[in-house]
Amino acid sequence: MDKQVQNFAVANLRRRPAVVETGGFVAGFSPDTDSPYLNYATPLPGAAPTRGDVAALVGAFRERGLLPRLEFAPEAAPAVAPALRAAGFGTEAVHEYLVCTPDTYTDPLPGGDGPRVETPATDEEFRALDAALAEAFGGAFGASAEGAARLRRLAESGGEARFVRAGDGGCAGGATCSPPAEDTAELAGVGTRPAHRRRGVAAAVTAALTRAMFGRGVGSVWLEYSGEGSRHTYTRVGYRPGGTRLYVSLPATPPA
């Protein structure tokens, strides 16, 4: 699965508004934000970069005033992590990813029980989803018009978005799924506003998005998680361990 996930990562970054391919790396940039989570690179499976290849990649980030940063499945390109660490890159995180297939999928809320899941369609609904996810992730990113527009573009370019409406008409929580590539898709940004947690919102939107992708013929859906609580939510839907993904970045002043 590591190679498939890595091939997906390459294909997904190639969809970005600005793309640089150099020395076995693909870097995808979003000109409307300097967020490191939306401007990063990934290696081609099996890449074996030289010092010059890594330097060229770093240059592509530095000339844009961005943090050189990569996300990838290290087992799909074993030579990459050592080359990056030799250049001063440090580890931000190592995340396990989980995979769901039509054979492992389980409806966590059978019989129609649980929150009603909807598909955002209006600008107001995309703004509400963006604001809910910003709150859910504790200010890791702020709600913005650009964020809402990115959610709409994702939904209109082959991806999917789902949300659960709050009692006040806003958004209790939601999630998105990327456009498919390499017979898989990434489910991301599953978040619930604190006041609406422990009501099945995350499980409901995860299940709805996973079903939607299987309905489109995708062979698997994968995601990353943080914390055992969220892991339990996903395993209820049928997600199973698939591998790990490594996040690395290069500080402005590499350590001595």
Protein backbone atom coordinates (compact mmCIF):
# COMPACT_ATOMS: atom_id res chain seq x y z
CA MET A 1 0.00 0.00 0.00
CA ASP A 2 2.94 2.36 0.62
CA LYS A 3 3.75 2.64 -3.08
CA GLN A 4 0.10 3.26 -4.00
CA VAL A 5 -0.24 5.96 -1.35
CA GLN A 6 3.01 7.55 -2.52
CA ASN A 7 1.88 7.48 -6.16
CA PHE A 8 -1.33 9.12 -5.02
CA ALA A 9 0.64 11.83 -3.19
CA VAL A 10 2.56 12.59 -6.38
CA ALA A 11 -0.60 12.74 -8.50
CA ASN A 12 -2.36 14.91 -5.92
CA LEU A 13 0.45 17.47 -5.76
CA ARG A 14 0.54 17.67 -9.55
CA ARG A 15 -2.98 19.13 -9.34
CA ARG A 16 -1.79 22.20 -7.43
CA PRO A 17 -1.94 25.63 -9.10
CA ALA A 18 1.88 25.76 -9.26
CA VAL A 19 4.06 22.66 -9.58
CA VAL A 20 7.84 22.20 -9.66
CA GLU A 21 9.38 18.83 -10.51
CA THR A 22 13.08 18.46 -9.85
CA GLY A 23 15.51 15.67 -8.97
CA GLY A 24 12.88 13.02 -8.27
CA PHE A 25 10.66 15.37 -6.24
CA VAL A 26 7.29 16.97 -6.96
CA ALA A 27 6.50 20.21 -5.12
CA GLY A 28 2.99 21.64 -5.14
CA PHE A 29 2.35 25.27 -4.28
CA SER A 30 -0.83 27.21 -3.49
CA PRO A 31 -0.14 30.89 -4.30
CA ASP A 32 -3.02 32.17 -2.14
CA THR A 33 -1.40 31.01 1.12
CA ASP A 34 2.00 30.47 2.72
CA SER A 35 0.68 27.64 4.90
CA PRO A 36 3.27 24.83 5.07
CA TYR A 37 0.38 22.36 5.02
CA LEU A 38 -0.63 23.53 1.56
CA ASN A 39 2.86 24.09 0.15
CA TYR A 40 5.04 21.00 0.31
CA ALA A 41 6.80 18.34 -1.74
CA THR A 42 6.92 14.58 -2.04
CA PRO A 43 9.35 12.17 -3.76
CA LEU A 44 8.64 9.84 -6.62
CA PRO A 45 8.51 6.22 -5.44
CA GLY A 46 12.00 4.77 -5.45
CA ALA A 47 13.70 8.16 -5.74
CA ALA A 48 17.38 8.30 -4.72
CA PRO A 49 18.18 12.04 -4.57
CA THR A 50 21.69 13.47 -4.64
CA ARG A 51 22.83 16.44 -2.57
CA GLY A 52 22.31 18.59 -5.64
CA ASP A 53 18.75 17.29 -6.06
CA VAL A 54 17.91 18.20 -2.47
CA ALA A 55 19.53 21.64 -2.85
CA ALA A 56 17.47 22.34 -5.98
CA LEU A 57 14.29 21.39 -4.13
CA VAL A 58 15.18 23.64 -1.20
CA GLY A 59 15.81 26.46 -3.65
CA ALA A 60 12.32 26.10 -5.12
CA PHE A 61 10.88 26.77 -1.66
CA ARG A 62 13.32 29.48 -0.59
CA GLU A 63 12.76 31.56 -3.74
CA ARG A 64 9.06 31.64 -2.84
CA GLY A 65 9.72 32.53 0.80
CA LEU A 66 8.32 29.18 1.94
CA LEU A 67 9.44 26.55 4.43
CA PRO A 68 11.00 23.57 2.62
CA ARG A 69 8.76 20.72 3.69
CA LEU A 70 7.87 17.18 2.56
CA GLU A 71 5.23 14.58 3.30
CA PHE A 72 5.74 11.01 2.09
CA ALA A 73 5.56 7.29 2.80
CA PRO A 74 9.22 6.52 3.63
CA GLU A 75 9.00 2.83 2.77
CA ALA A 76 8.11 3.74 -0.81
CA ALA A 77 11.38 5.70 -1.22
CA PRO A 78 13.89 4.41 1.35
CA ALA A 79 16.79 6.56 0.14
CA VAL A 80 14.95 9.86 0.57
CA ALA A 81 14.82 10.32 4.35
CA PRO A 82 18.60 9.82 4.83
CA ALA A 83 19.34 12.30 2.03
CA LEU A 84 17.03 14.89 3.56
CA ARG A 85 18.43 14.45 7.05
CA ALA A 86 21.95 14.85 5.70
CA ALA A 87 20.84 18.23 4.36
CA GLY A 88 19.51 19.32 7.77
CA PHE A 89 15.85 18.37 7.52
CA GLY A 90 14.24 17.48 10.83
CA THR A 91 11.24 15.31 11.60
CA GLU A 92 7.99 17.11 12.33
CA ALA A 93 5.91 13.98 12.81
CA VAL A 94 5.43 10.35 11.88
CA HIS A 95 1.79 9.42 11.33
CA GLU A 96 0.24 6.02 10.86
CA TYR A 97 -2.23 5.89 8.01
CA LEU A 98 -5.31 3.69 7.88
CA VAL A 99 -6.94 2.18 4.80
CA CYS A 100 -10.54 1.19 4.12
CA THR A 101 -11.69 -1.02 1.24
CA PRO A 102 -15.17 -2.11 0.19
CA ASP A 103 -14.47 -5.44 1.92
CA THR A 104 -13.59 -3.87 5.28
CA TYR A 105 -16.16 -1.04 5.25
CA THR A 106 -18.73 -1.16 8.06
CA ASP A 107 -21.61 1.26 8.60
CA PRO A 108 -20.99 2.58 12.14
CA LEU A 109 -24.56 3.88 12.44
CA PRO A 110 -26.83 1.27 10.81
CA GLY A 111 -30.52 1.82 10.37
CA GLY A 112 -30.24 5.52 9.66
CA ASP A 113 -29.37 6.39 13.26
CA GLY A 114 -26.99 9.23 14.00
CA PRO A 115 -26.48 12.73 12.61
CA ARG A 116 -27.85 13.71 9.21
CA VAL A 117 -24.98 14.24 6.78
CA GLU A 118 -25.28 16.87 4.05
CA THR A 119 -23.26 17.98 1.04
CA PRO A 120 -22.33 21.69 1.02
CA ALA A 121 -23.61 23.53 -2.02
CA THR A 122 -23.85 27.23 -1.19
CA ASP A 123 -21.13 29.74 -0.37
CA GLU A 124 -22.63 30.06 3.10
CA GLU A 125 -22.33 26.31 3.69
CA PHE A 126 -18.70 26.22 2.52
CA ARG A 127 -17.92 29.17 4.80
CA ALA A 128 -19.61 27.40 7.72
CA LEU A 129 -17.64 24.21 7.03
CA ASP A 130 -14.36 26.13 6.84
CA ALA A 131 -15.13 27.91 10.13
CA ALA A 132 -16.09 24.66 11.85
CA LEU A 133 -12.88 22.91 10.77
CA ALA A 134 -10.79 25.89 11.88
CA GLU A 135 -12.39 25.72 15.33
CA ALA A 136 -12.14 21.92 15.45
CA PHE A 137 -8.39 22.01 14.87
CA GLY A 138 -7.79 24.56 17.60
CA GLY A 139 -6.59 27.44 15.47
CA ALA A 140 -3.99 25.53 13.45
CA PHE A 141 -5.42 27.57 10.61
CA GLY A 142 -7.94 30.39 10.67
CA ALA A 143 -11.28 30.53 8.93
CA SER A 144 -11.02 32.63 5.78
CA ALA A 145 -12.66 33.39 2.46
CA GLU A 146 -9.70 31.69 0.78
CA GLY A 147 -10.21 28.55 2.87
CA ALA A 148 -13.89 28.37 1.98
CA ALA A 149 -13.02 28.88 -1.69
CA ARG A 150 -10.49 26.03 -1.55
CA LEU A 151 -13.16 23.73 -0.11
CA ARG A 152 -15.52 24.65 -2.95
CA ARG A 153 -12.81 24.12 -5.57
CA LEU A 154 -12.04 20.71 -4.09
CA ALA A 155 -15.69 19.68 -4.33
CA GLU A 156 -16.01 21.03 -7.86
CA SER A 157 -12.82 19.38 -9.15
CA GLY A 158 -13.68 15.78 -8.37
CA GLY A 159 -13.38 15.70 -4.60
CA GLU A 160 -16.12 15.43 -2.00
CA ALA A 161 -17.15 17.37 1.11
CA ARG A 162 -19.71 16.50 3.78
CA PHE A 163 -20.95 18.20 6.93
CA VAL A 164 -23.45 17.88 9.75
CA ARG A 165 -25.63 20.90 10.39
CA ALA A 166 -25.69 22.35 13.90
CA GLY A 167 -28.90 23.32 15.67
CA ASP A 168 -28.25 26.99 14.96
CA GLY A 169 -28.09 26.28 11.22
CA GLY A 170 -24.31 26.43 11.09
CA CYS A 171 -21.91 23.50 10.87
CA ALA A 172 -21.24 21.05 13.71
CA GLY A 173 -18.39 19.36 11.86
CA GLY A 174 -17.38 17.85 8.57
CA ALA A 175 -14.63 16.48 6.36
CA THR A 176 -13.36 16.33 2.80
CA CYS A 177 -12.03 13.70 0.43
CA SER A 178 -9.60 14.34 -2.40
CA PRO A 179 -10.33 13.58 -6.04
CA PRO A 180 -9.32 9.95 -6.67
CA ALA A 181 -5.97 9.00 -8.18
CA GLU A 182 -4.15 5.68 -8.48
CA ASP A 183 -7.42 3.88 -7.51
CA THR A 184 -7.43 5.49 -4.07
CA ALA A 185 -8.42 8.75 -2.39
CA GLU A 186 -7.42 10.58 0.78
CA LEU A 187 -10.02 11.46 3.39
CA ALA A 188 -8.81 14.48 5.34
CA GLY A 189 -9.77 17.26 7.70
CA VAL A 190 -12.27 15.29 9.76
CA GLY A 191 -13.19 17.77 12.46
CA THR A 192 -15.99 18.49 14.93
CA ARG A 193 -16.52 21.71 16.84
CA PRO A 194 -15.89 21.09 20.57
CA ALA A 195 -19.51 21.75 21.59
CA HIS A 196 -20.73 19.00 19.25
CA ARG A 197 -18.27 16.21 20.02
CA ARG A 198 -19.20 12.69 21.16
CA ARG A 199 -22.40 12.77 19.11
CA GLY A 200 -21.24 10.66 16.17
CA VAL A 201 -20.47 13.56 13.82
CA ALA A 202 -16.98 12.36 12.84
CA ALA A 203 -18.11 8.77 12.29
CA ALA A 204 -21.08 9.92 10.21
CA VAL A 205 -19.11 12.14 7.82
CA THR A 206 -16.28 9.59 7.56
CA ALA A 207 -18.74 6.85 6.61
CA ALA A 208 -20.60 9.09 4.15
CA LEU A 209 -17.45 10.17 2.33
CA THR A 210 -16.05 6.64 2.26
CA ARG A 211 -19.31 5.29 0.79
CA ALA A 212 -19.35 8.09 -1.77
CA MET A 213 -15.88 7.18 -3.00
CA PHE A 214 -16.67 3.48 -3.18
CA GLY A 215 -19.78 4.40 -5.15
CA ARG A 216 -17.48 6.06 -7.66
CA GLY A 217 -15.50 2.84 -8.06
CA VAL A 218 -12.43 3.70 -5.97
CA GLY A 219 -10.65 0.62 -4.64
CA SER A 220 -9.61 2.15 -1.31
CA VAL A 221 -9.73 5.29 0.83
CA TRP A 222 -6.97 6.20 3.27
CA LEU A 223 -6.49 8.73 6.04
CA GLU A 224 -4.16 9.78 8.81
CA TYR A 225 -5.26 10.22 12.40
CA SER A 226 -4.11 11.82 15.63
CA GLY A 227 -4.91 10.22 18.94
CA GLU A 228 -6.49 6.92 19.94
CA GLY A 229 -9.94 8.49 20.19
CA SER A 230 -10.02 9.41 16.53
CA ARG A 231 -8.42 6.09 15.60
CA HIS A 232 -11.36 4.27 17.20
CA THR A 233 -13.77 6.36 15.14
CA TYR A 234 -12.11 5.25 11.92
CA THR A 235 -11.71 1.60 12.83
CA ARG A 236 -15.47 1.50 13.47
CA VAL A 237 -15.95 2.42 9.81
CA GLY A 238 -13.56 -0.32 8.67
CA TYR A 239 -10.23 1.49 8.42
CA ARG A 240 -7.22 -0.75 9.07
CA PRO A 241 -3.45 -0.05 9.49
CA GLY A 242 -1.71 0.55 6.18
CA GLY A 243 1.70 2.09 6.90
CA THR A 244 3.34 5.33 8.00
CA ARG A 245 3.90 8.77 6.56
CA LEU A 246 6.84 11.00 7.45
CA TYR A 247 6.69 14.80 7.73
CA VAL A 248 10.01 16.67 7.54
CA SER A 249 11.04 20.30 7.12
CA LEU A 250 14.18 22.41 6.94
CA PRO A 251 14.46 25.36 9.34
CA ALA A 252 15.73 28.71 8.11
CA THR A 253 19.01 28.07 9.93
CA PRO A 254 19.91 24.34 9.80
CA PRO A 255 21.19 22.94 13.12
CA ALA A 256 24.97 22.84 13.53
